[in-house]
């Protein structure tokens, strides 16, 4: 009986995690369609660093962006990280 209850709880937890991940993915897709690199590049230097990077990471908190040696994200890295979320 305990095994059955544990199995049901495990499936329920797994389903909840999947639904949360799907919801997060949908949110990122919406944001990726709405905001482009230039929105974040306030100082127009071609890279996101400091407060620009902080804002980017707070909006896209589950996306991993490649950073350069200066801990900045350039437009190529931005587009690459969000490519799976953008619709053609």
N, C-alpha and C. Protein backbone atom coordinates (compact mmCIF):
# COMPACT_ATOMS: atom_id res chain seq x y z
N UNK A 1 0.83 -1.19 0.00
CA UNK A 1 0.00 0.00 0.00
C UNK A 1 0.87 1.26 0.00
N UNK A 2 1.89 1.27 0.89
CA UNK A 2 2.79 2.42 0.94
C UNK A 2 3.51 2.62 -0.38
N UNK A 3 3.87 1.52 -1.03
CA UNK A 3 4.55 1.60 -2.32
C UNK A 3 3.65 2.26 -3.36
N UNK A 4 2.39 1.90 -3.36
CA UNK A 4 1.43 2.50 -4.30
C UNK A 4 1.26 3.98 -4.05
N UNK A 5 1.15 4.35 -2.80
CA UNK A 5 1.00 5.77 -2.44
C UNK A 5 2.25 6.54 -2.84
N UNK A 6 3.42 5.98 -2.58
CA UNK A 6 4.67 6.64 -2.96
C UNK A 6 4.77 6.79 -4.47
N UNK A 7 4.34 5.78 -5.21
CA UNK A 7 4.37 5.85 -6.67
C UNK A 7 3.44 6.95 -7.18
N UNK A 8 2.25 7.02 -6.61
CA UNK A 8 1.29 8.06 -7.00
C UNK A 8 1.85 9.44 -6.67
N UNK A 9 2.41 9.60 -5.49
CA UNK A 9 3.00 10.88 -5.10
C UNK A 9 4.15 11.26 -6.01
N UNK A 10 4.96 10.28 -6.40
CA UNK A 10 6.09 10.53 -7.28
C UNK A 10 5.62 11.01 -8.65
N UNK A 11 4.60 10.36 -9.20
CA UNK A 11 4.05 10.76 -10.49
C UNK A 11 3.44 12.15 -10.39
N UNK A 12 2.74 12.42 -9.31
CA UNK A 12 2.12 13.73 -9.11
C UNK A 12 3.18 14.82 -9.04
N UNK A 13 4.24 14.58 -8.28
CA UNK A 13 5.33 15.55 -8.16
C UNK A 13 6.00 15.76 -9.50
N UNK A 14 6.24 14.69 -10.23
CA UNK A 14 6.85 14.78 -11.55
C UNK A 14 5.99 15.59 -12.51
N UNK A 15 4.70 15.36 -12.48
CA UNK A 15 3.76 16.10 -13.32
C UNK A 15 3.76 17.58 -12.98
N UNK A 16 3.79 17.90 -11.70
CA UNK A 16 3.82 19.30 -11.26
C UNK A 16 5.10 19.98 -11.73
N UNK A 17 6.23 19.29 -11.64
CA UNK A 17 7.50 19.86 -12.09
C UNK A 17 7.48 20.09 -13.59
N UNK A 18 6.94 19.15 -14.34
CA UNK A 18 6.85 19.29 -15.79
C UNK A 18 5.96 20.47 -16.16
N UNK A 19 4.83 20.60 -15.48
CA UNK A 19 3.92 21.72 -15.75
C UNK A 19 4.58 23.05 -15.42
N UNK A 20 5.34 23.11 -14.34
CA UNK A 20 6.04 24.34 -13.97
C UNK A 20 7.10 24.68 -15.01
N UNK A 21 7.82 23.67 -15.48
CA UNK A 21 8.85 23.90 -16.50
C UNK A 21 8.21 24.36 -17.81
N UNK A 22 7.08 23.77 -18.17
CA UNK A 22 6.38 24.18 -19.38
C UNK A 22 5.89 25.63 -19.27
N UNK A 23 5.40 25.99 -18.11
CA UNK A 23 4.92 27.35 -17.88
C UNK A 23 6.09 28.34 -17.97
N UNK A 24 7.23 27.98 -17.39
CA UNK A 24 8.42 28.83 -17.45
C UNK A 24 8.89 28.98 -18.90
N UNK A 25 8.88 27.89 -19.64
CA UNK A 25 9.28 27.92 -21.04
C UNK A 25 8.37 28.82 -21.86
N UNK A 26 7.08 28.76 -21.62
CA UNK A 26 6.13 29.63 -22.32
C UNK A 26 6.38 31.09 -21.99
N UNK A 27 6.68 31.37 -20.74
CA UNK A 27 6.98 32.75 -20.32
C UNK A 27 8.22 33.26 -21.05
N UNK A 28 9.24 32.42 -21.13
CA UNK A 28 10.47 32.81 -21.82
C UNK A 28 10.21 33.03 -23.30
N UNK A 29 9.40 32.18 -23.92
CA UNK A 29 9.05 32.35 -25.33
C UNK A 29 8.40 33.71 -25.56
N UNK A 30 7.47 34.07 -24.69
CA UNK A 30 6.79 35.36 -24.82
C UNK A 30 7.78 36.51 -24.68
N UNK A 31 8.65 36.44 -23.69
CA UNK A 31 9.64 37.50 -23.48
C UNK A 31 10.62 37.57 -24.64
N UNK A 32 11.04 36.41 -25.17
CA UNK A 32 11.99 36.38 -26.28
C UNK A 32 11.40 37.01 -27.53
N UNK A 33 10.10 36.89 -27.71
CA UNK A 33 9.44 37.53 -28.85
C UNK A 33 9.32 39.04 -28.65
N UNK A 34 9.17 39.45 -27.42
CA UNK A 34 8.90 40.86 -27.12
C UNK A 34 10.17 41.71 -27.00
N UNK A 35 11.24 41.14 -26.46
CA UNK A 35 12.43 41.93 -26.18
C UNK A 35 13.61 41.45 -27.01
N UNK A 36 14.30 42.40 -27.63
CA UNK A 36 15.49 42.06 -28.40
C UNK A 36 16.74 42.59 -27.69
N UNK A 37 17.88 42.32 -28.28
CA UNK A 37 19.15 42.70 -27.68
C UNK A 37 19.22 44.20 -27.41
N UNK A 38 18.76 44.99 -28.36
CA UNK A 38 18.85 46.46 -28.22
C UNK A 38 18.06 46.99 -27.03
N UNK A 39 17.01 46.29 -26.63
CA UNK A 39 16.24 46.70 -25.46
C UNK A 39 17.12 46.71 -24.22
N UNK A 40 17.99 45.72 -24.10
CA UNK A 40 18.84 45.60 -22.92
C UNK A 40 20.13 46.43 -23.04
N UNK A 41 20.60 46.66 -24.27
CA UNK A 41 21.87 47.37 -24.49
C UNK A 41 21.64 48.88 -24.40
N UNK A 42 21.42 49.36 -23.21
CA UNK A 42 21.06 50.76 -22.97
C UNK A 42 22.17 51.71 -23.42
N UNK A 43 23.43 51.35 -23.16
CA UNK A 43 24.53 52.24 -23.52
C UNK A 43 25.05 52.02 -24.94
N UNK A 44 24.42 51.15 -25.70
CA UNK A 44 24.75 50.90 -27.10
C UNK A 44 26.22 50.55 -27.34
N UNK A 45 26.80 49.76 -26.43
CA UNK A 45 28.20 49.37 -26.62
C UNK A 45 28.34 47.97 -27.23
N UNK A 46 27.23 47.35 -27.57
CA UNK A 46 27.27 46.04 -28.22
C UNK A 46 27.43 44.87 -27.29
N UNK A 47 27.35 45.12 -25.99
CA UNK A 47 27.42 44.03 -25.02
C UNK A 47 26.59 44.39 -23.80
N UNK A 48 26.16 43.35 -23.11
CA UNK A 48 25.35 43.54 -21.91
C UNK A 48 26.20 43.22 -20.69
N UNK A 49 26.38 44.21 -19.85
CA UNK A 49 27.17 44.03 -18.64
C UNK A 49 26.59 44.90 -17.54
N UNK A 50 27.04 44.67 -16.33
CA UNK A 50 26.58 45.47 -15.20
C UNK A 50 25.08 45.39 -15.02
N UNK A 51 24.44 46.55 -14.93
CA UNK A 51 22.99 46.58 -14.70
C UNK A 51 22.21 46.02 -15.89
N UNK A 52 22.77 46.16 -17.09
CA UNK A 52 22.10 45.58 -18.27
C UNK A 52 22.03 44.06 -18.13
N UNK A 53 23.13 43.47 -17.72
CA UNK A 53 23.19 42.01 -17.55
C UNK A 53 22.30 41.56 -16.40
N UNK A 54 22.27 42.34 -15.34
CA UNK A 54 21.40 42.02 -14.21
C UNK A 54 19.94 42.00 -14.63
N UNK A 55 19.54 43.00 -15.42
CA UNK A 55 18.16 43.07 -15.91
C UNK A 55 17.85 41.88 -16.81
N UNK A 56 18.79 41.55 -17.70
CA UNK A 56 18.62 40.41 -18.61
C UNK A 56 18.42 39.11 -17.82
N UNK A 57 19.29 38.88 -16.86
CA UNK A 57 19.22 37.64 -16.08
C UNK A 57 17.99 37.59 -15.19
N UNK A 58 17.49 38.74 -14.76
CA UNK A 58 16.28 38.71 -13.93
C UNK A 58 15.05 38.38 -14.77
N UNK A 59 15.04 38.81 -16.01
CA UNK A 59 13.90 38.51 -16.89
C UNK A 59 13.97 37.09 -17.43
N UNK A 60 15.17 36.65 -17.78
CA UNK A 60 15.37 35.32 -18.35
C UNK A 60 16.16 34.46 -17.36
N UNK A 61 15.63 34.32 -16.16
CA UNK A 61 16.38 33.70 -15.07
C UNK A 61 16.74 32.24 -15.27
N UNK A 62 16.04 31.52 -16.11
CA UNK A 62 16.37 30.11 -16.30
C UNK A 62 17.17 29.85 -17.58
N UNK A 63 17.57 30.91 -18.27
CA UNK A 63 18.34 30.77 -19.51
C UNK A 63 19.81 31.02 -19.20
N UNK A 64 20.67 30.14 -19.72
CA UNK A 64 22.11 30.32 -19.55
C UNK A 64 22.67 31.09 -20.73
N UNK A 65 23.27 32.23 -20.45
CA UNK A 65 23.90 33.04 -21.48
C UNK A 65 25.42 32.88 -21.38
N UNK A 66 26.07 32.69 -22.53
CA UNK A 66 27.53 32.64 -22.55
C UNK A 66 28.06 34.05 -22.33
N UNK A 67 29.03 34.17 -21.45
CA UNK A 67 29.65 35.47 -21.18
C UNK A 67 31.09 35.45 -21.66
N UNK A 68 31.60 36.63 -22.01
CA UNK A 68 32.99 36.73 -22.45
C UNK A 68 33.91 36.94 -21.25
N UNK A 69 35.17 37.22 -21.54
CA UNK A 69 36.15 37.38 -20.46
C UNK A 69 35.85 38.57 -19.55
N UNK A 70 35.03 39.50 -20.03
CA UNK A 70 34.63 40.66 -19.22
C UNK A 70 33.31 40.43 -18.49
N UNK A 71 32.84 39.17 -18.49
CA UNK A 71 31.55 38.80 -17.88
C UNK A 71 30.40 39.58 -18.51
N UNK A 72 30.45 39.70 -19.84
CA UNK A 72 29.41 40.40 -20.59
C UNK A 72 28.83 39.47 -21.65
N UNK A 73 27.61 39.76 -22.06
CA UNK A 73 26.93 38.99 -23.11
C UNK A 73 26.86 39.85 -24.36
N UNK A 74 27.38 39.32 -25.48
CA UNK A 74 27.27 40.07 -26.73
C UNK A 74 26.00 39.64 -27.47
N UNK A 75 25.72 40.29 -28.58
CA UNK A 75 24.47 40.02 -29.30
C UNK A 75 24.39 38.59 -29.81
N UNK A 76 25.51 38.06 -30.25
CA UNK A 76 25.54 36.68 -30.74
C UNK A 76 25.18 35.69 -29.64
N UNK A 77 25.75 35.88 -28.46
CA UNK A 77 25.46 35.00 -27.32
C UNK A 77 24.01 35.15 -26.88
N UNK A 78 23.51 36.37 -26.94
CA UNK A 78 22.11 36.64 -26.59
C UNK A 78 21.18 35.87 -27.53
N UNK A 79 21.41 36.03 -28.84
CA UNK A 79 20.56 35.37 -29.83
C UNK A 79 20.69 33.85 -29.76
N UNK A 80 21.88 33.37 -29.52
CA UNK A 80 22.10 31.93 -29.43
C UNK A 80 21.34 31.33 -28.25
N UNK A 81 21.40 31.98 -27.11
CA UNK A 81 20.74 31.47 -25.91
C UNK A 81 19.22 31.47 -26.05
N UNK A 82 18.70 32.43 -26.79
CA UNK A 82 17.24 32.54 -26.92
C UNK A 82 16.69 31.92 -28.20
N UNK A 83 17.57 31.39 -29.05
CA UNK A 83 17.13 30.87 -30.35
C UNK A 83 16.08 29.78 -30.23
N UNK A 84 16.19 28.91 -29.24
CA UNK A 84 15.21 27.83 -29.11
C UNK A 84 13.84 28.33 -28.66
N UNK A 85 13.78 29.55 -28.16
CA UNK A 85 12.52 30.10 -27.68
C UNK A 85 11.85 31.02 -28.70
N UNK A 86 12.60 31.43 -29.72
CA UNK A 86 12.05 32.36 -30.70
C UNK A 86 11.38 31.59 -31.83
N UNK A 87 10.24 32.11 -32.26
CA UNK A 87 9.52 31.50 -33.38
C UNK A 87 10.06 32.06 -34.67
N UNK A 88 10.08 31.24 -35.67
CA UNK A 88 10.60 31.67 -36.99
C UNK A 88 9.61 32.57 -37.68
